[in-house]
PDB file of N, CA and C in Angstrom:
ATOM      1  N   UNK A   1     -12.858  -9.029  -4.033  1.00  0.00           N
ATOM      2  CA  UNK A   1     -12.932 -10.259  -4.664  1.00  0.00           C
ATOM      3  C   UNK A   1     -11.720 -10.413  -5.802  1.00  0.00           C
ATOM      4  N   UNK A   2     -10.845 -11.438  -5.805  1.00  0.00           N
ATOM      5  CA  UNK A   2     -10.066 -11.995  -6.779  1.00  0.00           C
ATOM      6  C   UNK A   2     -10.411 -12.012  -7.905  1.00  0.00           C
ATOM      7  N   UNK A   3     -10.009 -11.573  -9.125  1.00  0.00           N
ATOM      8  CA  UNK A   3     -10.546 -12.042 -10.544  1.00  0.00           C
ATOM      9  C   UNK A   3     -10.447 -13.492 -10.939  1.00  0.00           C
ATOM     10  N   UNK A   4     -11.279 -14.125 -11.637  1.00  0.00           N
ATOM     11  CA  UNK A   4     -11.449 -15.665 -12.010  1.00  0.00           C
ATOM     12  C   UNK A   4     -10.348 -15.911 -12.813  1.00  0.00           C
ATOM     13  N   UNK A   5      -9.539 -15.208 -13.569  1.00  0.00           N
ATOM     14  CA  UNK A   5      -8.360 -15.440 -14.709  1.00  0.00           C
ATOM     15  C   UNK A   5      -7.389 -16.387 -14.219  1.00  0.00           C
ATOM     16  N   UNK A   6      -6.843 -17.239 -14.661  1.00  0.00           N
ATOM     17  CA  UNK A   6      -6.128 -18.290 -14.381  1.00  0.00           C
ATOM     18  C   UNK A   6      -4.917 -17.988 -14.227  1.00  0.00           C
ATOM     19  N   UNK A   7      -4.526 -16.876 -14.935  1.00  0.00           N
ATOM     20  CA  UNK A   7      -3.255 -16.304 -14.971  1.00  0.00           C
ATOM     21  C   UNK A   7      -3.274 -14.881 -14.806  1.00  0.00           C
ATOM     22  N   UNK A   8      -2.716 -14.317 -13.690  1.00  0.00           N
ATOM     23  CA  UNK A   8      -2.713 -13.013 -13.391  1.00  0.00           C
ATOM     24  C   UNK A   8      -1.712 -12.112 -14.149  1.00  0.00           C
ATOM     25  N   UNK A   9      -2.019 -10.932 -14.517  1.00  0.00           N
ATOM     26  CA  UNK A   9      -0.991 -10.025 -15.484  1.00  0.00           C
ATOM     27  C   UNK A   9      -0.249  -9.142 -14.108  1.00  0.00           C
ATOM     28  N   UNK A  10       1.229  -8.982 -14.525  1.00  0.00           N
ATOM     29  CA  UNK A  10       1.784  -8.355 -13.711  1.00  0.00           C
ATOM     30  C   UNK A  10       2.566  -7.198 -14.157  1.00  0.00           C
ATOM     31  N   UNK A  11       2.841  -6.080 -13.950  1.00  0.00           N
ATOM     32  CA  UNK A  11       3.563  -5.200 -14.460  1.00  0.00           C
ATOM     33  C   UNK A  11       4.779  -4.582 -13.530  1.00  0.00           C
ATOM     34  N   UNK A  12       5.954  -4.542 -14.087  1.00  0.00           N
ATOM     35  CA  UNK A  12       6.891  -4.231 -13.286  1.00  0.00           C
ATOM     36  C   UNK A  12       7.472  -2.420 -13.567  1.00  0.00           C
ATOM     37  N   UNK A  13       7.076  -1.834 -12.589  1.00  0.00           N
ATOM     38  CA  UNK A  13       7.248  -0.121 -12.597  1.00  0.00           C
ATOM     39  C   UNK A  13       8.393   0.182 -11.798  1.00  0.00           C
ATOM     40  N   UNK A  14       9.005   1.184 -12.170  1.00  0.00           N
ATOM     41  CA  UNK A  14       9.823   1.600 -11.052  1.00  0.00           C
ATOM     42  C   UNK A  14       9.385   2.546  -9.950  1.00  0.00           C
ATOM     43  N   UNK A  15       9.653   2.430  -8.862  1.00  0.00           N
ATOM     44  CA  UNK A  15       9.072   3.129  -7.869  1.00  0.00           C
ATOM     45  C   UNK A  15       9.090   4.820  -8.080  1.00  0.00           C
ATOM     46  N   UNK A  16      10.214   5.212  -8.501  1.00  0.00           N
ATOM     47  CA  UNK A  16      10.200   6.663  -8.991  1.00  0.00           C
ATOM     48  C   UNK A  16       9.100   7.171  -9.977  1.00  0.00           C
ATOM     49  N   UNK A  17       8.809   6.302 -10.740  1.00  0.00           N
ATOM     50  CA  UNK A  17       7.814   6.769 -11.948  1.00  0.00           C
ATOM     51  C   UNK A  17       6.358   6.730 -11.135  1.00  0.00           C
ATOM     52  N   UNK A  18       6.189   5.795 -10.315  1.00  0.00           N
ATOM     53  CA  UNK A  18       4.822   5.909  -9.763  1.00  0.00           C
ATOM     54  C   UNK A  18       4.915   6.895  -8.922  1.00  0.00           C
ATOM     55  N   UNK A  19       5.699   7.182  -8.406  1.00  0.00           N
ATOM     56  CA  UNK A  19       5.901   8.353  -7.514  1.00  0.00           C
ATOM     57  C   UNK A  19       5.544   9.616  -8.007  1.00  0.00           C
ATOM     58  N   UNK A  20       6.132   9.739  -9.354  1.00  0.00           N
ATOM     59  CA  UNK A  20       5.847  11.158 -10.034  1.00  0.00           C
ATOM     60  C   UNK A  20       4.687  11.015 -10.540  1.00  0.00           C
ATOM     61  N   UNK A  21       4.010   9.895 -11.063  1.00  0.00           N
ATOM     62  CA  UNK A  21       2.707   9.927 -11.573  1.00  0.00           C
ATOM     63  C   UNK A  21       1.828  10.205 -10.711  1.00  0.00           C
ATOM     64  N   UNK A  22       1.949   9.517  -9.243  1.00  0.00           N
ATOM     65  CA  UNK A  22       0.647   9.584  -8.388  1.00  0.00           C
ATOM     66  C   UNK A  22       0.702  11.488  -7.922  1.00  0.00           C
ATOM     67  N   UNK A  23       1.914  11.918  -8.000  1.00  0.00           N
ATOM     68  CA  UNK A  23       1.896  13.297  -7.743  1.00  0.00           C
ATOM     69  C   UNK A  23       1.527  14.161  -8.971  1.00  0.00           C
ATOM     70  N   UNK A  24       1.704  13.754 -10.050  1.00  0.00           N
ATOM     71  CA  UNK A  24       1.069  14.402 -11.137  1.00  0.00           C
ATOM     72  C   UNK A  24      -0.406  14.320 -11.244  1.00  0.00           C
ATOM     73  N   UNK A  25      -1.208  13.111 -11.013  1.00  0.00           N
ATOM     74  CA  UNK A  25      -2.443  12.812 -11.026  1.00  0.00           C
ATOM     75  C   UNK A  25      -3.148  13.335  -9.596  1.00  0.00           C
ATOM     76  N   UNK A  26      -2.399  13.606  -8.800  1.00  0.00           N
ATOM     77  CA  UNK A  26      -2.971  13.839  -7.585  1.00  0.00           C
ATOM     78  C   UNK A  26      -3.707  12.632  -7.082  1.00  0.00           C
ATOM     79  N   UNK A  27      -3.110  11.570  -6.937  1.00  0.00           N
ATOM     80  CA  UNK A  27      -3.782  10.500  -6.443  1.00  0.00           C
ATOM     81  C   UNK A  27      -2.420   9.672  -5.465  1.00  0.00           C
ATOM     82  N   UNK A  28      -2.399  10.244  -4.087  1.00  0.00           N
ATOM     83  CA  UNK A  28      -1.617   9.902  -3.181  1.00  0.00           C
ATOM     84  C   UNK A  28      -1.848   8.672  -2.588  1.00  0.00           C
ATOM     85  N   UNK A  29      -3.022   8.227  -2.528  1.00  0.00           N
ATOM     86  CA  UNK A  29      -3.826   6.933  -2.215  1.00  0.00           C
ATOM     87  C   UNK A  29      -3.322   5.572  -3.038  1.00  0.00           C
ATOM     88  N   UNK A  30      -3.002   5.722  -4.329  1.00  0.00           N
ATOM     89  CA  UNK A  30      -2.557   5.245  -5.129  1.00  0.00           C
ATOM     90  C   UNK A  30      -0.813   4.964  -4.845  1.00  0.00           C
ATOM     91  N   UNK A  31      -0.218   5.737  -4.561  1.00  0.00           N
ATOM     92  CA  UNK A  31       1.383   5.564  -3.949  1.00  0.00           C
ATOM     93  C   UNK A  31       1.246   4.877  -2.651  1.00  0.00           C
ATOM     94  N   UNK A  32       0.292   4.793  -1.923  1.00  0.00           N
ATOM     95  CA  UNK A  32      -0.008   3.860  -0.628  1.00  0.00           C
ATOM     96  C   UNK A  32      -0.404   2.597  -1.183  1.00  0.00           C
ATOM     97  N   UNK A  33      -1.059   2.187  -1.902  1.00  0.00           N
ATOM     98  CA  UNK A  33      -1.457   0.867  -2.753  1.00  0.00           C
ATOM     99  C   UNK A  33      -0.054   0.239  -3.236  1.00  0.00           C
ATOM    100  N   UNK A  34       0.528   1.016  -4.059  1.00  0.00           N
ATOM    101  CA  UNK A  34       1.780   0.288  -4.404  1.00  0.00           C
ATOM    102  C   UNK A  34       2.952   0.103  -3.418  1.00  0.00           C
ATOM    103  N   UNK A  35       2.761   1.049  -2.543  1.00  0.00           N
ATOM    104  CA  UNK A  35       3.937   0.975  -1.474  1.00  0.00           C
ATOM    105  C   UNK A  35       3.762  -0.305  -0.829  1.00  0.00           C
ATOM    106  N   UNK A  36       2.285  -0.859  -0.261  1.00  0.00           N
ATOM    107  CA  UNK A  36       1.981  -1.890   0.348  1.00  0.00           C
ATOM    108  C   UNK A  36       2.568  -2.935  -0.437  1.00  0.00           C
ATOM    109  N   UNK A  37       2.461  -3.361  -1.545  1.00  0.00           N
ATOM    110  CA  UNK A  37       2.905  -4.234  -2.341  1.00  0.00           C
ATOM    111  C   UNK A  37       4.659  -4.557  -2.439  1.00  0.00           C
ATOM    112  N   UNK A  38       5.128  -3.536  -2.334  1.00  0.00           N
ATOM    113  CA  UNK A  38       6.687  -3.466  -2.467  1.00  0.00           C
ATOM    114  C   UNK A  38       6.935  -3.815  -1.101  1.00  0.00           C
ATOM    115  N   UNK A  39       6.418  -3.229   0.073  1.00  0.00           N
ATOM    116  CA  UNK A  39       6.688  -3.775   1.525  1.00  0.00           C
ATOM    117  C   UNK A  39       6.622  -5.177   1.565  1.00  0.00           C
ATOM    118  N   UNK A  40       5.431  -5.665   1.023  1.00  0.00           N
ATOM    119  CA  UNK A  40       4.965  -7.104   1.069  1.00  0.00           C
ATOM    120  C   UNK A  40       6.240  -7.789   0.233  1.00  0.00           C
ATOM    121  N   UNK A  41       6.532  -7.438  -0.822  1.00  0.00           N
ATOM    122  CA  UNK A  41       7.594  -8.308  -1.570  1.00  0.00           C
ATOM    123  C   UNK A  41       8.910  -8.197  -0.766  1.00  0.00           C
ATOM    124  N   UNK A  42       9.440  -6.931  -0.396  1.00  0.00           N
ATOM    125  CA  UNK A  42      10.580  -6.698   0.401  1.00  0.00           C
ATOM    126  C   UNK A  42      10.704  -7.593   1.903  1.00  0.00           C
ATOM    127  N   UNK A  43       9.480  -7.656   2.437  1.00  0.00           N
ATOM    128  CA  UNK A  43       9.716  -8.663   3.675  1.00  0.00           C
ATOM    129  C   UNK A  43       9.225  -9.804   3.444  1.00  0.00           C
ATOM    130  N   UNK A  44       9.021 -10.296   2.037  1.00  0.00           N
ATOM    131  CA  UNK A  44       8.928 -11.824   1.801  1.00  0.00           C
ATOM    132  C   UNK A  44       7.727 -12.397   2.590  1.00  0.00           C
ATOM    133  N   UNK A  45       6.706 -11.243   2.714  1.00  0.00           N
ATOM    134  CA  UNK A  45       5.551 -11.822   3.714  1.00  0.00           C
ATOM    135  C   UNK A  45       4.508 -10.987   3.259  1.00  0.00           C
ATOM    136  N   UNK A  46       3.117 -11.565   3.610  1.00  0.00           N
ATOM    137  CA  UNK A  46       1.795 -10.682   3.366  1.00  0.00           C
ATOM    138  C   UNK A  46       1.686  -9.769   4.686  1.00  0.00           C
ATOM    139  N   UNK A  47       2.522  -9.898   5.903  1.00  0.00           N
ATOM    140  CA  UNK A  47       2.285  -9.129   6.773  1.00  0.00           C
ATOM    141  C   UNK A  47       3.815  -8.468   6.947  1.00  0.00           C
ATOM    142  N   UNK A  48       3.441  -6.910   7.393  1.00  0.00           N
ATOM    143  CA  UNK A  48       4.683  -6.074   7.388  1.00  0.00           C
ATOM    144  C   UNK A  48       4.301  -5.012   8.029  1.00  0.00           C
ATOM    145  N   UNK A  49       5.180  -4.269   8.706  1.00  0.00           N
ATOM    146  CA  UNK A  49       4.877  -2.648   9.344  1.00  0.00           C
ATOM    147  C   UNK A  49       4.856  -1.811   8.395  1.00  0.00           C
ATOM    148  N   UNK A  50       4.320  -0.572   8.380  1.00  0.00           N
ATOM    149  CA  UNK A  50       3.970   0.468   7.447  1.00  0.00           C
ATOM    150  C   UNK A  50       4.441   1.539   8.191  1.00  0.00           C
ATOM    151  N   UNK A  51       5.635   2.082   8.174  1.00  0.00           N
ATOM    152  CA  UNK A  51       5.853   3.289   9.201  1.00  0.00           C
ATOM    153  C   UNK A  51       5.538   4.514   8.061  1.00  0.00           C
ATOM    154  N   UNK A  52       5.686   5.869   8.646  1.00  0.00           N
ATOM    155  CA  UNK A  52       5.221   7.070   7.737  1.00  0.00           C
ATOM    156  C   UNK A  52       6.245   7.474   7.233  1.00  0.00           C
ATOM    157  N   UNK A  53       7.477   7.716   7.762  1.00  0.00           N
ATOM    158  CA  UNK A  53       8.583   8.228   7.193  1.00  0.00           C
ATOM    159  C   UNK A  53       8.698   8.113   5.621  1.00  0.00           C
ATOM    160  N   UNK A  54       9.185   7.007   5.066  1.00  0.00           N
ATOM    161  CA  UNK A  54       9.701   6.775   3.590  1.00  0.00           C
ATOM    162  C   UNK A  54       8.435   6.938   2.752  1.00  0.00           C
ATOM    163  N   UNK A  55       7.091   6.680   3.136  1.00  0.00           N
ATOM    164  CA  UNK A  55       5.949   6.844   2.595  1.00  0.00           C
ATOM    165  C   UNK A  55       5.959   8.213   2.334  1.00  0.00           C
ATOM    166  N   UNK A  56       6.055   9.188   3.300  1.00  0.00           N
ATOM    167  CA  UNK A  56       5.929  10.488   3.187  1.00  0.00           C
ATOM    168  C   UNK A  56       6.716  11.385   2.166  1.00  0.00           C
ATOM    169  N   UNK A  57       8.127  10.630   2.065  1.00  0.00           N
ATOM    170  CA  UNK A  57       9.001  11.109   1.269  1.00  0.00           C
ATOM    171  C   UNK A  57       8.399  10.940   0.059  1.00  0.00           C
ATOM    172  N   UNK A  58       7.854  10.022  -0.611  1.00  0.00           N
ATOM    173  CA  UNK A  58       7.039   9.781  -1.907  1.00  0.00           C
ATOM    174  C   UNK A  58       5.681  10.173  -1.920  1.00  0.00           C
ATOM    175  N   UNK A  59       5.302  10.990  -1.387  1.00  0.00           N
ATOM    176  CA  UNK A  59       4.250  12.039  -1.486  1.00  0.00           C
ATOM    177  C   UNK A  59       3.074  11.554  -0.836  1.00  0.00           C
ATOM    178  N   UNK A  60       2.962  10.653   0.071  1.00  0.00           N
ATOM    179  CA  UNK A  60       1.686  10.166   0.747  1.00  0.00           C
ATOM    180  C   UNK A  60       2.075  10.420   2.454  1.00  0.00           C
ATOM    181  N   UNK A  61       1.350  11.619   2.814  1.00  0.00           N
ATOM    182  CA  UNK A  61       1.603  11.725   4.148  1.00  0.00           C
ATOM    183  C   UNK A  61       0.726  11.201   5.250  1.00  0.00           C
ATOM    184  N   UNK A  62       0.994  11.198   6.479  1.00  0.00           N
ATOM    185  CA  UNK A  62       0.326  10.249   7.540  1.00  0.00           C
ATOM    186  C   UNK A  62      -1.105  10.319   7.395  1.00  0.00           C
ATOM    187  N   UNK A  63      -1.981  11.206   6.840  1.00  0.00           N
ATOM    188  CA  UNK A  63      -3.497  11.135   7.038  1.00  0.00           C
ATOM    189  C   UNK A  63      -4.016  10.531   5.537  1.00  0.00           C
ATOM    190  N   UNK A  64      -3.268  10.589   4.674  1.00  0.00           N
ATOM    191  CA  UNK A  64      -3.543  10.167   3.263  1.00  0.00           C
ATOM    192  C   UNK A  64      -3.492   8.736   3.491  1.00  0.00           C
ATOM    193  N   UNK A  65      -2.159   8.415   4.385  1.00  0.00           N
ATOM    194  CA  UNK A  65      -1.977   6.747   4.671  1.00  0.00           C
ATOM    195  C   UNK A  65      -3.005   6.223   5.449  1.00  0.00           C
ATOM    196  N   UNK A  66      -3.391   6.920   6.572  1.00  0.00           N
ATOM    197  CA  UNK A  66      -4.806   6.453   7.298  1.00  0.00           C
ATOM    198  C   UNK A  66      -6.042   6.281   6.483  1.00  0.00           C
ATOM    199  N   UNK A  67      -6.545   6.949   5.657  1.00  0.00           N
ATOM    200  CA  UNK A  67      -7.537   7.144   4.610  1.00  0.00           C
ATOM    201  C   UNK A  67      -7.500   5.819   4.032  1.00  0.00           C
ATOM    202  N   UNK A  68      -6.195   5.854   3.120  1.00  0.00           N
ATOM    203  CA  UNK A  68      -5.963   4.644   2.223  1.00  0.00           C
ATOM    204  C   UNK A  68      -6.093   3.467   2.880  1.00  0.00           C
ATOM    205  N   UNK A  69      -5.642   3.177   4.202  1.00  0.00           N
ATOM    206  CA  UNK A  69      -5.439   2.078   4.778  1.00  0.00           C
ATOM    207  C   UNK A  69      -7.104   1.678   5.264  1.00  0.00           C
ATOM    208  N   UNK A  70      -7.928   2.606   5.402  1.00  0.00           N
ATOM    209  CA  UNK A  70      -9.299   2.733   6.002  1.00  0.00           C
ATOM    210  C   UNK A  70     -10.031   2.015   4.763  1.00  0.00           C
ATOM    211  N   UNK A  71      -9.894   2.646   3.562  1.00  0.00           N
ATOM    212  CA  UNK A  71     -10.479   2.327   2.530  1.00  0.00           C
ATOM    213  C   UNK A  71     -10.152   0.839   1.904  1.00  0.00           C
ATOM    214  N   UNK A  72      -8.792   0.326   1.947  1.00  0.00           N
ATOM    215  CA  UNK A  72      -8.534  -0.961   1.762  1.00  0.00           C
ATOM    216  C   UNK A  72      -8.849  -1.846   2.599  1.00  0.00           C
ATOM    217  N   UNK A  73      -9.009  -1.792   4.077  1.00  0.00           N
ATOM    218  CA  UNK A  73      -9.629  -2.516   4.790  1.00  0.00           C
ATOM    219  C   UNK A  73     -11.116  -2.458   4.661  1.00  0.00           C
ATOM    220  N   UNK A  74     -11.830  -1.725   4.321  1.00  0.00           N
ATOM    221  CA  UNK A  74     -13.146  -1.833   4.256  1.00  0.00           C
ATOM    222  C   UNK A  74     -13.511  -2.583   2.858  1.00  0.00           C
ATOM    223  N   UNK A  75     -12.624  -2.428   1.829  1.00  0.00           N
ATOM    224  CA  UNK A  75     -12.886  -3.447   0.815  1.00  0.00           C
ATOM    225  C   UNK A  75     -12.509  -4.897   0.807  1.00  0.00           C
ATOM    226  N   UNK A  76     -11.884  -4.873   2.120  1.00  0.00           N
ATOM    227  CA  UNK A  76     -11.411  -6.428   2.011  1.00  0.00           C
ATOM    228  C   UNK A  76     -10.241  -6.695   1.477  1.00  0.00           C
ATOM    229  N   UNK A  77      -9.182  -5.874   1.048  1.00  0.00           N
ATOM    230  CA  UNK A  77      -8.037  -6.191   0.506  1.00  0.00           C
ATOM    231  C   UNK A  77      -6.890  -6.228   1.874  1.00  0.00           C
ATOM    232  N   UNK A  78      -7.200  -5.845   2.877  1.00  0.00           N
ATOM    233  CA  UNK A  78      -5.998  -5.761   3.653  1.00  0.00           C
ATOM    234  C   UNK A  78      -6.739  -6.024   5.270  1.00  0.00           C
ATOM    235  N   UNK A  79      -5.845  -5.922   6.400  1.00  0.00           N
ATOM    236  CA  UNK A  79      -6.377  -5.815   7.474  1.00  0.00           C
ATOM    237  C   UNK A  79      -5.109  -5.049   8.161  1.00  0.00           C
ATOM    238  N   UNK A  80      -5.358  -4.297   9.500  1.00  0.00           N
ATOM    239  CA  UNK A  80      -4.484  -3.693  10.066  1.00  0.00           C
ATOM    240  C   UNK A  80      -4.720  -3.773  11.458  1.00  0.00           C
ATOM    241  N   UNK A  81      -3.376  -3.829  11.889  1.00  0.00           N
ATOM    242  CA  UNK A  81      -3.440  -4.166  13.506  1.00  0.00           C
ATOM    243  C   UNK A  81      -2.658  -2.556  13.757  1.00  0.00           C
ATOM    244  N   UNK A  82      -3.784  -1.951  14.504  1.00  0.00           N
ATOM    245  CA  UNK A  82      -3.305  -0.536  15.025  1.00  0.00           C
ATOM    246  C   UNK A  82      -2.969  -0.556  16.337  1.00  0.00           C
ATOM    247  N   UNK A  83      -1.724  -0.078  16.583  1.00  0.00           N
ATOM    248  CA  UNK A  83      -1.228  -0.283  18.252  1.00  0.00           C
ATOM    249  C   UNK A  83      -0.938   1.672  18.419  1.00  0.00           C
ATOM    250  N   UNK A  84      -1.340   1.670  19.599  1.00  0.00           N
ATOM    251  CA  UNK A  84      -1.159   3.420  19.956  1.00  0.00           C
ATOM    252  C   UNK A  84      -0.155   3.906  19.809  1.00  0.00           C
ATOM    253  N   UNK A  85       0.316   4.654  19.006  1.00  0.00           N
ATOM    254  CA  UNK A  85       1.722   5.387  19.125  1.00  0.00           C
ATOM    255  C   UNK A  85       2.778   4.694  18.383  1.00  0.00           C
ATOM    256  N   UNK A  86       2.210   3.668  17.811  1.00  0.00           N
ATOM    257  CA  UNK A  86       3.381   2.851  16.909  1.00  0.00           C
ATOM    258  C   UNK A  86       2.964   2.570  15.669  1.00  0.00           C
ATOM    259  N   UNK A  87       3.894   2.126  14.935  1.00  0.00           N
ATOM    260  CA  UNK A  87       3.862   1.780  13.304  1.00  0.00           C
ATOM    261  C   UNK A  87       2.437   0.597  13.109  1.00  0.00           C
ATOM    262  N   UNK A  88       1.515   0.697  12.470  1.00  0.00           N
ATOM    263  CA  UNK A  88       0.658  -0.229  12.260  1.00  0.00           C
ATOM    264  C   UNK A  88       1.175  -1.362  11.512  1.00  0.00           C
ATOM    265  N   UNK A  89       0.678  -2.427  11.807  1.00  0.00           N
ATOM    266  CA  UNK A  89       1.066  -3.842  11.120  1.00  0.00           C
ATOM    267  C   UNK A  89       0.025  -4.148   9.810  1.00  0.00           C
ATOM    268  N   UNK A  90       0.232  -4.356   8.651  1.00  0.00           N
ATOM    269  CA  UNK A  90      -0.675  -4.599   7.689  1.00  0.00           C
ATOM    270  C   UNK A  90      -0.477  -5.896   6.995  1.00  0.00           C
ATOM    271  N   UNK A  91      -1.597  -6.707   6.697  1.00  0.00           N
ATOM    272  CA  UNK A  91      -1.388  -7.983   6.444  1.00  0.00           C
ATOM    273  C   UNK A  91      -2.239  -7.770   4.892  1.00  0.00           C
ATOM    274  N   UNK A  92      -1.596  -7.993   3.810  1.00  0.00           N
ATOM    275  CA  UNK A  92      -2.448  -8.058   2.692  1.00  0.00           C
ATOM    276  C   UNK A  92      -3.098  -9.425   2.466  1.00  0.00           C
ATOM    277  N   UNK A  93      -4.668  -9.380   2.197  1.00  0.00           N
ATOM    278  CA  UNK A  93      -5.498 -10.345   1.985  1.00  0.00           C
ATOM    279  C   UNK A  93      -5.320 -11.204   0.779  1.00  0.00           C
ATOM    280  N   UNK A  94      -5.683 -10.322  -0.557  1.00  0.00           N
ATOM    281  CA  UNK A  94      -5.751 -10.605  -1.784  1.00  0.00           C
ATOM    282  C   UNK A  94      -4.802 -11.094  -2.482  1.00  0.00           C
ATOM    283  N   UNK A  95      -3.692 -11.531  -1.926  1.00  0.00           N
ATOM    284  CA  UNK A  95      -2.390 -12.129  -2.731  1.00  0.00           C
ATOM    285  C   UNK A  95      -2.426 -13.577  -2.743  1.00  0.00           C
TER     286      UNK A  95
END
């Protein structure tokens, strides 16, 4: 559920900092969350593909990505179109 604030707060954070912070705190699922926002911004769309390779380089392996996507989908923040043997397509819902 989106907060009821009239004005949302935003933070500009370098990806390298988030990468190091998620490794230091052992929270790779947080990296997946930030990466989803980054890819949405990059694609200029709420719907985009989520490949494994670049995310794995930032510390979130394939299994962690799958777990994070399942948790976010269960929370109602995203939908995931899973395709056998192909990159999943993610849609952010809470933006």
